[in-house]
Amino acid sequence: MFIANTISAANRKRKYEQFIRSFQPGPETTILDVGYSNKEYSNNENYLERHYPHLHNITALGVVPPGEFARRYPSVRTVQYDGKFFPFGDKQFDIIWSNAVWEHVGPHDRQLLFLNEIKRVARRAYITTPNRYFPFEVHTKLPFFHYLPRRQFDRILRALRKEWAAGDFMFLMSLGDVKRLLAEAGIDKYRIHKNRFCGFTMDFAIEMNF
């Protein structure tokens, strides 16, 4: 677990630095963080809020009540929603940040809605998602089983007492899946970073301009 957390911390630091370098947000830049974590199980949770200096210009959006998150980051505005349509006006935010959330919103139609809502409420966005073909599944820390069809993978998860990751918990995407969804959403101004570990693409970080 220590090794996994160390790798995750290094990768999140790399993504945060990519974000700052590419978007150069300032004290007046409005940011929507899509997908806050109410409970922090490690120092890798809520990475933006832990490191960004201008918390007063962040709005955090999530599907769970923000009690602990709101107490921990009182300068951040928190909004709870139903996981579908973002409760904001068109182009209300300068930038969206969303780290490792896209794979949890649901199957293809919900992933497409997620992209369309990002495109609607912001001018630019930085979102990340794990690579389906990275040898280790990053949530469960299991090797290769996630390559199997969903029903077989779910059976293995339940047998290993990781049933929390079965069912609708995640819908992992390949590079091809990401590109197809971007095309379906009509997003053509983007750049995909392939963040690697030991030569394998661990996750994708997508910079988008609308």
N, C-alpha and C. Protein backbone atom coordinates (compact mmCIF):
# COMPACT_ATOMS: atom_id res chain seq x y z
N MET A 1 0.82 -1.20 0.00
CA MET A 1 0.00 0.00 0.00
C MET A 1 0.86 1.26 0.00
N PHE A 2 1.99 1.22 0.77
CA PHE A 2 2.89 2.37 0.82
C PHE A 2 3.44 2.68 -0.56
N ILE A 3 3.85 1.63 -1.29
CA ILE A 3 4.40 1.83 -2.63
C ILE A 3 3.35 2.43 -3.55
N ALA A 4 2.12 1.90 -3.50
CA ALA A 4 1.04 2.41 -4.35
C ALA A 4 0.76 3.88 -4.04
N ASN A 5 0.73 4.24 -2.75
CA ASN A 5 0.47 5.63 -2.38
C ASN A 5 1.61 6.54 -2.83
N THR A 6 2.84 6.04 -2.77
CA THR A 6 3.98 6.83 -3.21
C THR A 6 3.92 7.10 -4.71
N ILE A 7 3.57 6.07 -5.48
CA ILE A 7 3.43 6.22 -6.93
C ILE A 7 2.29 7.20 -7.25
N SER A 8 1.17 7.03 -6.54
CA SER A 8 0.02 7.92 -6.76
C SER A 8 0.37 9.36 -6.43
N ALA A 9 1.09 9.58 -5.34
CA ALA A 9 1.47 10.94 -4.94
C ALA A 9 2.34 11.59 -6.01
N ALA A 10 3.31 10.83 -6.53
CA ALA A 10 4.19 11.37 -7.57
C ALA A 10 3.41 11.70 -8.83
N ASN A 11 2.46 10.83 -9.19
CA ASN A 11 1.66 11.06 -10.39
C ASN A 11 0.73 12.26 -10.23
N ARG A 12 0.13 12.40 -9.07
CA ARG A 12 -0.77 13.56 -8.85
C ARG A 12 0.02 14.86 -8.83
N LYS A 13 1.22 14.82 -8.26
CA LYS A 13 2.08 16.01 -8.29
C LYS A 13 2.42 16.38 -9.73
N ARG A 14 2.73 15.39 -10.54
CA ARG A 14 3.05 15.63 -11.96
C ARG A 14 1.86 16.25 -12.68
N LYS A 15 0.66 15.73 -12.43
CA LYS A 15 -0.52 16.26 -13.10
C LYS A 15 -0.83 17.69 -12.64
N TYR A 16 -0.70 17.94 -11.36
CA TYR A 16 -0.92 19.30 -10.85
C TYR A 16 0.06 20.28 -11.50
N GLU A 17 1.31 19.88 -11.61
CA GLU A 17 2.31 20.75 -12.24
C GLU A 17 2.02 20.96 -13.71
N GLN A 18 1.53 19.91 -14.41
CA GLN A 18 1.09 20.07 -15.80
C GLN A 18 -0.01 21.12 -15.89
N PHE A 19 -0.98 21.00 -15.01
CA PHE A 19 -2.11 21.92 -14.98
C PHE A 19 -1.67 23.36 -14.78
N ILE A 20 -0.83 23.60 -13.79
CA ILE A 20 -0.36 24.95 -13.50
C ILE A 20 0.46 25.49 -14.66
N ARG A 21 1.33 24.67 -15.22
CA ARG A 21 2.19 25.10 -16.31
C ARG A 21 1.38 25.43 -17.57
N SER A 22 0.39 24.62 -17.88
CA SER A 22 -0.37 24.81 -19.11
C SER A 22 -1.41 25.92 -19.01
N PHE A 23 -2.09 26.03 -17.86
CA PHE A 23 -3.20 26.96 -17.74
C PHE A 23 -2.83 28.26 -17.03
N GLN A 24 -1.76 28.23 -16.25
CA GLN A 24 -1.27 29.42 -15.56
C GLN A 24 -2.39 30.21 -14.87
N PRO A 25 -3.16 29.55 -13.99
CA PRO A 25 -4.24 30.26 -13.31
C PRO A 25 -3.70 31.30 -12.34
N GLY A 26 -4.41 32.41 -12.22
CA GLY A 26 -3.99 33.48 -11.34
C GLY A 26 -4.99 33.70 -10.21
N PRO A 27 -4.78 34.76 -9.41
CA PRO A 27 -5.64 35.01 -8.24
C PRO A 27 -7.11 35.23 -8.59
N GLU A 28 -7.40 35.66 -9.82
CA GLU A 28 -8.80 35.93 -10.20
C GLU A 28 -9.40 34.84 -11.09
N THR A 29 -8.64 33.81 -11.39
CA THR A 29 -9.14 32.73 -12.25
C THR A 29 -10.16 31.89 -11.50
N THR A 30 -11.34 31.73 -12.08
CA THR A 30 -12.37 30.90 -11.44
C THR A 30 -12.21 29.45 -11.89
N ILE A 31 -12.18 28.55 -10.90
CA ILE A 31 -11.95 27.12 -11.16
C ILE A 31 -13.09 26.32 -10.58
N LEU A 32 -13.62 25.38 -11.37
CA LEU A 32 -14.58 24.40 -10.88
C LEU A 32 -13.86 23.07 -10.73
N ASP A 33 -13.79 22.57 -9.51
CA ASP A 33 -13.21 21.26 -9.23
C ASP A 33 -14.35 20.25 -9.22
N VAL A 34 -14.41 19.41 -10.25
CA VAL A 34 -15.50 18.43 -10.36
C VAL A 34 -15.06 17.13 -9.71
N GLY A 35 -15.65 16.82 -8.55
CA GLY A 35 -15.38 15.54 -7.91
C GLY A 35 -14.53 15.64 -6.65
N TYR A 36 -14.99 16.42 -5.66
CA TYR A 36 -14.26 16.47 -4.40
C TYR A 36 -14.43 15.15 -3.63
N SER A 37 -13.48 14.89 -2.73
CA SER A 37 -13.57 13.75 -1.81
C SER A 37 -13.92 14.26 -0.43
N ASN A 38 -15.05 13.81 0.11
CA ASN A 38 -15.43 14.29 1.43
C ASN A 38 -14.49 13.74 2.51
N LYS A 39 -14.13 12.48 2.39
CA LYS A 39 -13.18 11.86 3.32
C LYS A 39 -11.82 11.75 2.64
N GLU A 40 -10.78 12.08 3.38
CA GLU A 40 -9.43 11.99 2.83
C GLU A 40 -8.71 10.79 3.46
N TYR A 41 -8.50 9.76 2.65
CA TYR A 41 -7.85 8.55 3.15
C TYR A 41 -6.33 8.62 3.02
N SER A 42 -5.84 9.62 2.30
CA SER A 42 -4.40 9.82 2.17
C SER A 42 -4.15 11.28 1.81
N ASN A 43 -2.88 11.65 1.78
CA ASN A 43 -2.52 13.02 1.41
C ASN A 43 -2.70 13.29 -0.07
N ASN A 44 -3.11 12.27 -0.83
CA ASN A 44 -3.31 12.45 -2.26
C ASN A 44 -4.72 12.92 -2.60
N GLU A 45 -5.63 12.90 -1.63
CA GLU A 45 -7.01 13.31 -1.88
C GLU A 45 -7.09 14.83 -1.99
N ASN A 46 -8.06 15.30 -2.79
CA ASN A 46 -8.30 16.75 -2.94
C ASN A 46 -7.00 17.51 -3.19
N TYR A 47 -6.25 17.02 -4.17
CA TYR A 47 -4.91 17.54 -4.41
C TYR A 47 -4.92 19.02 -4.76
N LEU A 48 -5.91 19.46 -5.52
CA LEU A 48 -5.98 20.87 -5.89
C LEU A 48 -6.12 21.74 -4.65
N GLU A 49 -7.04 21.40 -3.78
CA GLU A 49 -7.28 22.22 -2.58
C GLU A 49 -6.09 22.18 -1.62
N ARG A 50 -5.36 21.08 -1.61
CA ARG A 50 -4.20 20.98 -0.72
C ARG A 50 -3.04 21.86 -1.18
N HIS A 51 -2.99 22.21 -2.49
CA HIS A 51 -1.80 22.86 -3.00
C HIS A 51 -2.03 24.20 -3.70
N TYR A 52 -3.23 24.44 -4.17
CA TYR A 52 -3.48 25.66 -4.93
C TYR A 52 -3.58 26.86 -3.97
N PRO A 53 -2.93 27.98 -4.28
CA PRO A 53 -2.88 29.09 -3.32
C PRO A 53 -4.13 29.97 -3.26
N HIS A 54 -5.01 29.90 -4.25
CA HIS A 54 -6.14 30.84 -4.31
C HIS A 54 -7.46 30.09 -4.12
N LEU A 55 -7.65 29.55 -2.94
CA LEU A 55 -8.81 28.70 -2.68
C LEU A 55 -10.13 29.45 -2.78
N HIS A 56 -10.12 30.75 -2.59
CA HIS A 56 -11.36 31.52 -2.61
C HIS A 56 -12.02 31.54 -3.99
N ASN A 57 -11.25 31.19 -5.02
CA ASN A 57 -11.82 31.19 -6.38
C ASN A 57 -12.10 29.77 -6.89
N ILE A 58 -12.12 28.80 -5.98
CA ILE A 58 -12.48 27.43 -6.36
C ILE A 58 -13.92 27.14 -5.92
N THR A 59 -14.68 26.53 -6.82
CA THR A 59 -15.96 25.93 -6.48
C THR A 59 -15.79 24.43 -6.64
N ALA A 60 -16.15 23.65 -5.61
CA ALA A 60 -16.00 22.19 -5.65
C ALA A 60 -17.37 21.55 -5.80
N LEU A 61 -17.49 20.68 -6.80
CA LEU A 61 -18.75 20.01 -7.12
C LEU A 61 -18.64 18.52 -6.83
N GLY A 62 -19.64 17.96 -6.15
CA GLY A 62 -19.59 16.54 -5.85
C GLY A 62 -20.96 15.95 -5.62
N VAL A 63 -21.01 14.63 -5.50
CA VAL A 63 -22.30 13.94 -5.36
C VAL A 63 -22.60 13.54 -3.92
N VAL A 64 -21.66 13.76 -3.02
CA VAL A 64 -21.88 13.42 -1.60
C VAL A 64 -21.93 14.69 -0.78
N PRO A 65 -22.61 14.67 0.36
CA PRO A 65 -22.63 15.86 1.22
C PRO A 65 -21.21 16.28 1.58
N PRO A 66 -20.92 17.59 1.52
CA PRO A 66 -19.53 18.05 1.65
C PRO A 66 -19.11 18.39 3.07
N GLY A 67 -19.72 17.79 4.07
CA GLY A 67 -19.47 18.18 5.45
C GLY A 67 -18.01 18.28 5.85
N GLU A 68 -17.27 17.16 5.78
CA GLU A 68 -15.87 17.18 6.19
C GLU A 68 -15.02 18.02 5.24
N PHE A 69 -15.30 17.92 3.95
CA PHE A 69 -14.56 18.72 2.97
C PHE A 69 -14.74 20.21 3.25
N ALA A 70 -15.97 20.63 3.49
CA ALA A 70 -16.26 22.05 3.73
C ALA A 70 -15.58 22.54 5.00
N ARG A 71 -15.52 21.71 6.02
CA ARG A 71 -14.84 22.12 7.26
C ARG A 71 -13.32 22.20 7.05
N ARG A 72 -12.80 21.34 6.20
CA ARG A 72 -11.35 21.31 5.97
C ARG A 72 -10.91 22.47 5.07
N TYR A 73 -11.78 22.85 4.14
CA TYR A 73 -11.44 23.91 3.18
C TYR A 73 -12.55 24.97 3.18
N PRO A 74 -12.65 25.75 4.23
CA PRO A 74 -13.77 26.70 4.37
C PRO A 74 -13.77 27.81 3.32
N SER A 75 -12.65 28.07 2.68
CA SER A 75 -12.59 29.13 1.66
C SER A 75 -13.17 28.68 0.32
N VAL A 76 -13.34 27.36 0.16
CA VAL A 76 -13.84 26.81 -1.10
C VAL A 76 -15.36 26.72 -1.05
N ARG A 77 -16.02 27.20 -2.08
CA ARG A 77 -17.47 27.04 -2.20
C ARG A 77 -17.77 25.60 -2.59
N THR A 78 -18.69 24.95 -1.91
CA THR A 78 -19.03 23.56 -2.22
C THR A 78 -20.47 23.46 -2.71
N VAL A 79 -20.69 22.62 -3.72
CA VAL A 79 -22.01 22.39 -4.29
C VAL A 79 -22.20 20.89 -4.47
N GLN A 80 -23.31 20.37 -3.94
CA GLN A 80 -23.66 18.96 -4.15
C GLN A 80 -24.68 18.87 -5.28
N TYR A 81 -24.55 17.84 -6.13
CA TYR A 81 -25.51 17.67 -7.23
C TYR A 81 -25.80 16.20 -7.45
N ASP A 82 -26.66 15.88 -8.43
CA ASP A 82 -27.13 14.51 -8.62
C ASP A 82 -26.26 13.68 -9.54
N GLY A 83 -25.13 14.22 -9.98
CA GLY A 83 -24.23 13.47 -10.84
C GLY A 83 -24.56 13.56 -12.31
N LYS A 84 -25.53 14.39 -12.68
CA LYS A 84 -25.91 14.51 -14.08
C LYS A 84 -25.57 15.91 -14.60
N PHE A 85 -26.54 16.82 -14.60
CA PHE A 85 -26.31 18.15 -15.14
C PHE A 85 -25.69 19.06 -14.09
N PHE A 86 -24.64 19.78 -14.49
CA PHE A 86 -23.97 20.69 -13.57
C PHE A 86 -24.90 21.88 -13.28
N PRO A 87 -25.09 22.26 -12.02
CA PRO A 87 -26.01 23.34 -11.67
C PRO A 87 -25.38 24.73 -11.81
N PHE A 88 -24.86 25.02 -13.00
CA PHE A 88 -24.19 26.30 -13.25
C PHE A 88 -24.57 26.83 -14.61
N GLY A 89 -24.35 28.13 -14.81
CA GLY A 89 -24.65 28.75 -16.07
C GLY A 89 -23.59 28.48 -17.13
N ASP A 90 -23.91 28.79 -18.37
CA ASP A 90 -22.98 28.60 -19.48
C ASP A 90 -21.75 29.47 -19.29
N LYS A 91 -20.58 28.86 -19.49
CA LYS A 91 -19.28 29.55 -19.40
C LYS A 91 -19.12 30.32 -18.09
N GLN A 92 -19.59 29.72 -17.02
CA GLN A 92 -19.51 30.38 -15.71
C GLN A 92 -18.09 30.35 -15.14
N PHE A 93 -17.28 29.37 -15.57
CA PHE A 93 -15.94 29.20 -15.00
C PHE A 93 -14.87 29.34 -16.07
N ASP A 94 -13.71 29.84 -15.63
CA ASP A 94 -12.56 29.93 -16.54
C ASP A 94 -12.00 28.54 -16.85
N ILE A 95 -11.88 27.71 -15.79
CA ILE A 95 -11.23 26.41 -15.93
C ILE A 95 -11.97 25.36 -15.12
N ILE A 96 -12.01 24.15 -15.64
CA ILE A 96 -12.44 22.99 -14.86
C ILE A 96 -11.24 22.09 -14.61
N TRP A 97 -11.12 21.66 -13.37
CA TRP A 97 -10.15 20.63 -12.97
C TRP A 97 -10.96 19.42 -12.52
N SER A 98 -10.63 18.25 -13.03
CA SER A 98 -11.31 17.04 -12.59
C SER A 98 -10.34 15.88 -12.68
N ASN A 99 -9.90 15.40 -11.53
CA ASN A 99 -8.88 14.36 -11.48
C ASN A 99 -9.49 13.00 -11.13
N ALA A 100 -9.40 12.05 -12.06
CA ALA A 100 -9.82 10.66 -11.82
C ALA A 100 -11.28 10.57 -11.36
N VAL A 101 -12.15 11.27 -12.08
CA VAL A 101 -13.58 11.25 -11.81
C VAL A 101 -14.36 10.68 -12.99
N TRP A 102 -13.91 10.97 -14.18
CA TRP A 102 -14.64 10.64 -15.41
C TRP A 102 -15.02 9.17 -15.47
N GLU A 103 -14.12 8.28 -15.02
CA GLU A 103 -14.39 6.84 -15.10
C GLU A 103 -15.47 6.39 -14.11
N HIS A 104 -15.86 7.25 -13.18
CA HIS A 104 -16.85 6.88 -12.16
C HIS A 104 -18.26 7.40 -12.46
N VAL A 105 -18.43 8.21 -13.48
CA VAL A 105 -19.74 8.85 -13.68
C VAL A 105 -20.76 7.90 -14.31
N GLY A 106 -20.31 6.78 -14.87
CA GLY A 106 -21.24 5.84 -15.47
C GLY A 106 -20.76 5.35 -16.82
N PRO A 107 -21.60 4.61 -17.55
CA PRO A 107 -21.22 4.10 -18.87
C PRO A 107 -21.18 5.21 -19.91
N HIS A 108 -21.08 4.80 -21.16
CA HIS A 108 -20.79 5.72 -22.27
C HIS A 108 -21.68 6.96 -22.29
N ASP A 109 -22.99 6.82 -22.15
CA ASP A 109 -23.87 7.98 -22.26
C ASP A 109 -23.63 8.98 -21.15
N ARG A 110 -23.33 8.49 -19.95
CA ARG A 110 -23.05 9.39 -18.83
C ARG A 110 -21.66 10.04 -18.98
N GLN A 111 -20.72 9.30 -19.53
CA GLN A 111 -19.40 9.88 -19.79
C GLN A 111 -19.50 10.99 -20.83
N LEU A 112 -20.34 10.81 -21.81
CA LEU A 112 -20.55 11.84 -22.83
C LEU A 112 -21.25 13.05 -22.23
N LEU A 113 -22.26 12.84 -21.41
CA LEU A 113 -22.93 13.95 -20.73
C LEU A 113 -21.94 14.74 -19.88
N PHE A 114 -21.07 14.04 -19.19
CA PHE A 114 -20.04 14.68 -18.36
C PHE A 114 -19.20 15.63 -19.21
N LEU A 115 -18.75 15.17 -20.37
CA LEU A 115 -17.96 16.02 -21.26
C LEU A 115 -18.78 17.21 -21.76
N ASN A 116 -20.02 16.97 -22.13
CA ASN A 116 -20.86 18.06 -22.64
C ASN A 116 -21.10 19.13 -21.58
N GLU A 117 -21.26 18.71 -20.33
CA GLU A 117 -21.45 19.67 -19.25
C GLU A 117 -20.17 20.46 -18.97
N ILE A 118 -19.04 19.78 -19.04
CA ILE A 118 -17.75 20.48 -18.89
C ILE A 118 -17.60 21.54 -19.97
N LYS A 119 -17.90 21.15 -21.19
CA LYS A 119 -17.81 22.08 -22.32
C LYS A 119 -18.77 23.25 -22.16
N ARG A 120 -19.93 23.00 -21.58
CA ARG A 120 -20.95 24.05 -21.45
C ARG A 120 -20.57 25.10 -20.41
N VAL A 121 -20.06 24.68 -19.24
CA VAL A 121 -19.93 25.62 -18.13
C VAL A 121 -18.55 26.25 -18.02
N ALA A 122 -17.58 25.84 -18.87
CA ALA A 122 -16.22 26.37 -18.73
C ALA A 122 -15.64 26.76 -20.08
N ARG A 123 -14.55 27.51 -20.02
CA ARG A 123 -13.82 27.91 -21.23
C ARG A 123 -12.67 26.97 -21.54
N ARG A 124 -12.11 26.39 -20.49
CA ARG A 124 -11.02 25.43 -20.64
C ARG A 124 -11.19 24.34 -19.59
N ALA A 125 -10.54 23.21 -19.79
CA ALA A 125 -10.67 22.13 -18.82
C ALA A 125 -9.43 21.25 -18.81
N TYR A 126 -9.18 20.66 -17.65
CA TYR A 126 -8.11 19.69 -17.47
C TYR A 126 -8.72 18.51 -16.71
N ILE A 127 -8.90 17.39 -17.40
CA ILE A 127 -9.47 16.22 -16.74
C ILE A 127 -8.54 15.02 -16.95
N THR A 128 -8.55 14.11 -15.99
CA THR A 128 -7.69 12.93 -16.07
C THR A 128 -8.52 11.67 -15.83
N THR A 129 -8.03 10.57 -16.36
CA THR A 129 -8.68 9.28 -16.15
C THR A 129 -7.65 8.17 -16.34
N PRO A 130 -7.75 7.07 -15.58
CA PRO A 130 -6.78 5.98 -15.73
C PRO A 130 -6.87 5.32 -17.11
N ASN A 131 -5.77 4.77 -17.53
CA ASN A 131 -5.73 3.99 -18.77
C ASN A 131 -6.22 2.58 -18.50
N ARG A 132 -7.23 2.17 -19.23
CA ARG A 132 -7.79 0.82 -19.04
C ARG A 132 -6.74 -0.27 -19.24
N TYR A 133 -5.71 0.01 -20.04
CA TYR A 133 -4.72 -1.03 -20.35
C TYR A 133 -3.42 -0.87 -19.57
N PHE A 134 -3.42 -0.08 -18.51
CA PHE A 134 -2.29 -0.12 -17.59
C PHE A 134 -2.34 -1.47 -16.87
N PRO A 135 -1.21 -2.15 -16.69
CA PRO A 135 -1.24 -3.52 -16.16
C PRO A 135 -1.90 -3.67 -14.79
N PHE A 136 -1.82 -2.65 -13.95
CA PHE A 136 -2.46 -2.69 -12.64
C PHE A 136 -3.66 -1.77 -12.63
N GLU A 137 -4.77 -2.28 -12.12
CA GLU A 137 -5.95 -1.44 -11.99
C GLU A 137 -5.74 -0.55 -10.76
N VAL A 138 -5.77 0.76 -10.94
CA VAL A 138 -5.27 1.68 -9.92
C VAL A 138 -6.18 1.78 -8.69
N HIS A 139 -7.46 1.46 -8.80
CA HIS A 139 -8.35 1.54 -7.64
C HIS A 139 -8.21 0.31 -6.74
N THR A 140 -8.17 -0.86 -7.37
CA THR A 140 -8.13 -2.12 -6.60
C THR A 140 -6.72 -2.64 -6.36
N LYS A 141 -5.75 -2.10 -7.11
CA LYS A 141 -4.35 -2.53 -7.04
C LYS A 141 -4.17 -3.97 -7.51
N LEU A 142 -5.09 -4.45 -8.35
CA LEU A 142 -5.01 -5.82 -8.87
C LEU A 142 -4.43 -5.81 -10.28
N PRO A 143 -3.63 -6.82 -10.62
CA PRO A 143 -3.05 -6.87 -11.97
C PRO A 143 -3.93 -7.62 -12.97
N PHE A 144 -4.11 -7.05 -14.13
CA PHE A 144 -4.63 -7.71 -15.33
C PHE A 144 -6.11 -8.12 -15.28
N PHE A 145 -6.69 -8.36 -14.11
CA PHE A 145 -8.07 -8.85 -14.07
C PHE A 145 -9.05 -7.88 -14.73
N HIS A 146 -8.73 -6.59 -14.73
CA HIS A 146 -9.64 -5.60 -15.32
C HIS A 146 -9.67 -5.68 -16.85
N TYR A 147 -8.79 -6.49 -17.44
CA TYR A 147 -8.85 -6.73 -18.89
C TYR A 147 -10.02 -7.65 -19.26
N LEU A 148 -10.51 -8.39 -18.29
CA LEU A 148 -11.57 -9.36 -18.53
C LEU A 148 -12.91 -8.66 -18.78
N PRO A 149 -13.88 -9.36 -19.36
CA PRO A 149 -15.23 -8.81 -19.46
C PRO A 149 -15.77 -8.43 -18.07
N ARG A 150 -16.63 -7.44 -18.02
CA ARG A 150 -17.10 -6.88 -16.75
C ARG A 150 -17.64 -7.95 -15.80
N ARG A 151 -18.45 -8.88 -16.30
CA ARG A 151 -19.06 -9.87 -15.41
C ARG A 151 -18.01 -10.73 -14.73
N GLN A 152 -16.98 -11.13 -15.48
CA GLN A 152 -15.92 -11.96 -14.89
C GLN A 152 -15.09 -11.16 -13.89
N PHE A 153 -14.79 -9.92 -14.24
CA PHE A 153 -14.02 -9.06 -13.33
C PHE A 153 -14.78 -8.86 -12.03
N ASP A 154 -16.08 -8.62 -12.13
CA ASP A 154 -16.89 -8.41 -10.93
C ASP A 154 -16.89 -9.65 -10.03
N ARG A 155 -16.94 -10.84 -10.63
CA ARG A 155 -16.91 -12.07 -9.83
C ARG A 155 -15.60 -12.18 -9.05
N ILE A 156 -14.50 -11.82 -9.71
CA ILE A 156 -13.20 -11.87 -9.04
C ILE A 156 -13.14 -10.84 -7.91
N LEU A 157 -13.65 -9.64 -8.16
CA LEU A 157 -13.65 -8.60 -7.13
C LEU A 157 -14.42 -9.07 -5.89
N ARG A 158 -15.57 -9.68 -6.11
CA ARG A 158 -16.37 -10.14 -4.97
C ARG A 158 -15.68 -11.29 -4.24
N ALA A 159 -15.03 -12.16 -5.00
CA ALA A 159 -14.31 -13.28 -4.37
C ALA A 159 -13.15 -12.78 -3.52
N LEU A 160 -12.55 -11.67 -3.93
CA LEU A 160 -11.41 -11.10 -3.20
C LEU A 160 -11.83 -10.05 -2.18
N ARG A 161 -13.14 -9.96 -1.94
CA ARG A 161 -13.71 -9.02 -0.97
C ARG A 161 -13.44 -7.56 -1.34
N LYS A 162 -13.44 -7.33 -2.64
CA LYS A 162 -13.35 -5.97 -3.15
C LYS A 162 -14.64 -5.61 -3.91
N GLU A 163 -15.76 -6.04 -3.35
CA GLU A 163 -17.04 -5.83 -4.02
C GLU A 163 -17.40 -4.36 -4.16
N TRP A 164 -16.77 -3.49 -3.37
CA TRP A 164 -17.02 -2.05 -3.49
C TRP A 164 -16.63 -1.53 -4.88
N ALA A 165 -15.73 -2.25 -5.57
CA ALA A 165 -15.28 -1.81 -6.89
C ALA A 165 -16.05 -2.46 -8.02
N ALA A 166 -17.04 -3.31 -7.70
CA ALA A 166 -17.80 -4.01 -8.73
C ALA A 166 -18.98 -3.16 -9.21
N GLY A 167 -19.69 -3.68 -10.19
CA GLY A 167 -20.89 -3.00 -10.67
C GLY A 167 -20.58 -1.69 -11.36
N ASP A 168 -21.25 -0.64 -10.92
CA ASP A 168 -21.14 0.67 -11.57
C ASP A 168 -20.05 1.55 -10.99
N PHE A 169 -19.15 0.99 -10.20
CA PHE A 169 -18.14 1.82 -9.55
C PHE A 169 -17.23 2.50 -10.57
N MET A 170 -16.86 1.79 -11.64
CA MET A 170 -15.94 2.40 -12.61
C MET A 170 -16.16 1.82 -14.00
N PHE A 171 -15.92 2.67 -14.98
CA PHE A 171 -15.99 2.29 -16.39
C PHE A 171 -14.70 2.81 -17.04
N LEU A 172 -13.67 1.97 -17.02
CA LEU A 172 -12.35 2.39 -17.47
C LEU A 172 -12.32 2.59 -18.98
N MET A 173 -11.44 3.50 -19.42
CA MET A 173 -11.37 3.87 -20.83
C MET A 173 -9.96 3.70 -21.39
N SER A 174 -9.92 3.30 -22.65
CA SER A 174 -8.67 3.26 -23.40
C SER A 174 -8.46 4.62 -24.08
N LEU A 175 -7.31 4.78 -24.71
CA LEU A 175 -7.06 6.01 -25.47
C LEU A 175 -8.08 6.16 -26.58
N GLY A 176 -8.42 5.07 -27.25
CA GLY A 176 -9.43 5.13 -28.30
C GLY A 176 -10.79 5.56 -27.78
N ASP A 177 -11.17 5.05 -26.60
CA ASP A 177 -12.44 5.45 -25.98
C ASP A 177 -12.46 6.95 -25.71
N VAL A 178 -11.35 7.45 -25.16
CA VAL A 178 -11.26 8.88 -24.84
C VAL A 178 -11.42 9.72 -26.10
N LYS A 179 -10.73 9.35 -27.15
CA LYS A 179 -10.79 10.12 -28.39
C LYS A 179 -12.18 10.08 -29.02
N ARG A 180 -12.83 8.91 -28.96
CA ARG A 180 -14.19 8.80 -29.51
C ARG A 180 -15.17 9.68 -28.74
N LEU A 181 -15.06 9.71 -27.43
CA LEU A 181 -15.95 10.53 -26.63
C LEU A 181 -15.72 12.02 -26.89
N LEU A 182 -14.47 12.41 -27.01
CA LEU A 182 -14.16 13.81 -27.34
C LEU A 182 -14.78 14.19 -28.69
N ALA A 183 -14.67 13.29 -29.66
CA ALA A 183 -15.25 13.57 -30.98
C ALA A 183 -16.77 13.67 -30.90
N GLU A 184 -17.41 12.78 -30.14
CA GLU A 184 -18.86 12.82 -30.00
C GLU A 184 -19.33 14.09 -29.32
N ALA A 185 -18.51 14.62 -28.42
CA ALA A 185 -18.86 15.86 -27.73
C ALA A 185 -18.53 17.10 -28.56
N GLY A 186 -17.95 16.90 -29.74
CA GLY A 186 -17.60 18.04 -30.59
C GLY A 186 -16.42 18.83 -30.08
N ILE A 187 -15.54 18.17 -29.32
CA ILE A 187 -14.36 18.83 -28.76
C ILE A 187 -13.16 18.47 -29.65
N ASP A 188 -12.63 19.46 -30.36
CA ASP A 188 -11.52 19.18 -31.26
C ASP A 188 -10.24 19.93 -30.90
N LYS A 189 -10.32 20.82 -29.92
CA LYS A 189 -9.13 21.53 -29.47
C LYS A 189 -8.69 20.92 -28.14
N TYR A 190 -7.83 19.93 -28.23
CA TYR A 190 -7.40 19.26 -27.01
C TYR A 190 -5.99 18.71 -27.18
N ARG A 191 -5.39 18.39 -26.07
CA ARG A 191 -4.08 17.74 -26.02
C ARG A 191 -4.14 16.66 -24.96
N ILE A 192 -3.69 15.46 -25.28
CA ILE A 192 -3.70 14.35 -24.34
C ILE A 192 -2.28 14.06 -23.89
N HIS A 193 -2.04 14.17 -22.58
CA HIS A 193 -0.76 13.76 -22.00
C HIS A 193 -0.89 12.31 -21.56
N LYS A 194 0.11 11.50 -21.90
CA LYS A 194 0.15 10.11 -21.45
C LYS A 194 1.15 10.04 -20.29
N ASN A 195 0.63 10.01 -19.08
CA ASN A 195 1.49 9.94 -17.91
C ASN A 195 1.92 8.49 -17.69
N ARG A 196 3.22 8.27 -17.67
CA ARG A 196 3.75 6.90 -17.71
C ARG A 196 4.38 6.49 -16.38
N PHE A 197 4.38 5.19 -16.17
CA PHE A 197 5.11 4.57 -15.06
C PHE A 197 5.74 3.29 -15.59
N CYS A 198 7.06 3.19 -15.46
CA CYS A 198 7.81 2.02 -15.96
C CYS A 198 7.53 1.76 -17.43
N GLY A 199 7.36 2.82 -18.21
CA GLY A 199 7.16 2.69 -19.63
C GLY A 199 5.72 2.49 -20.05
N PHE A 200 4.82 2.20 -19.11
CA PHE A 200 3.40 2.00 -19.41
C PHE A 200 2.61 3.28 -19.16
N THR A 201 1.63 3.55 -20.01
CA THR A 201 0.77 4.71 -19.79
C THR A 201 -0.17 4.42 -18.63
N MET A 202 0.01 5.16 -17.54
CA MET A 202 -0.77 4.96 -16.33
C MET A 202 -2.13 5.64 -16.42
N ASP A 203 -2.13 6.87 -16.92
CA ASP A 203 -3.38 7.58 -17.08
C ASP A 203 -3.25 8.63 -18.17
N PHE A 204 -4.40 9.19 -18.53
CA PHE A 204 -4.46 10.25 -19.54
C PHE A 204 -4.87 11.56 -18.86
N ALA A 205 -4.18 12.63 -19.20
CA ALA A 205 -4.57 13.96 -18.76
C ALA A 205 -4.90 14.77 -20.01
N ILE A 206 -6.12 15.24 -20.08
CA ILE A 206 -6.61 15.90 -21.29
C ILE A 206 -6.80 17.40 -21.04
N GLU A 207 -6.08 18.20 -21.80
CA GLU A 207 -6.28 19.65 -21.78
C GLU A 207 -7.23 20.02 -22.90
N MET A 208 -8.27 20.79 -22.58
CA MET A 208 -9.28 21.14 -23.57
C MET A 208 -9.53 22.64 -23.59
N ASN A 209 -9.78 23.17 -24.78
CA ASN A 209 -10.17 24.56 -24.95
C ASN A 209 -11.48 24.58 -25.74
N PHE A 210 -12.42 25.42 -25.30
CA PHE A 210 -13.73 25.46 -25.94
C PHE A 210 -14.00 26.83 -26.57
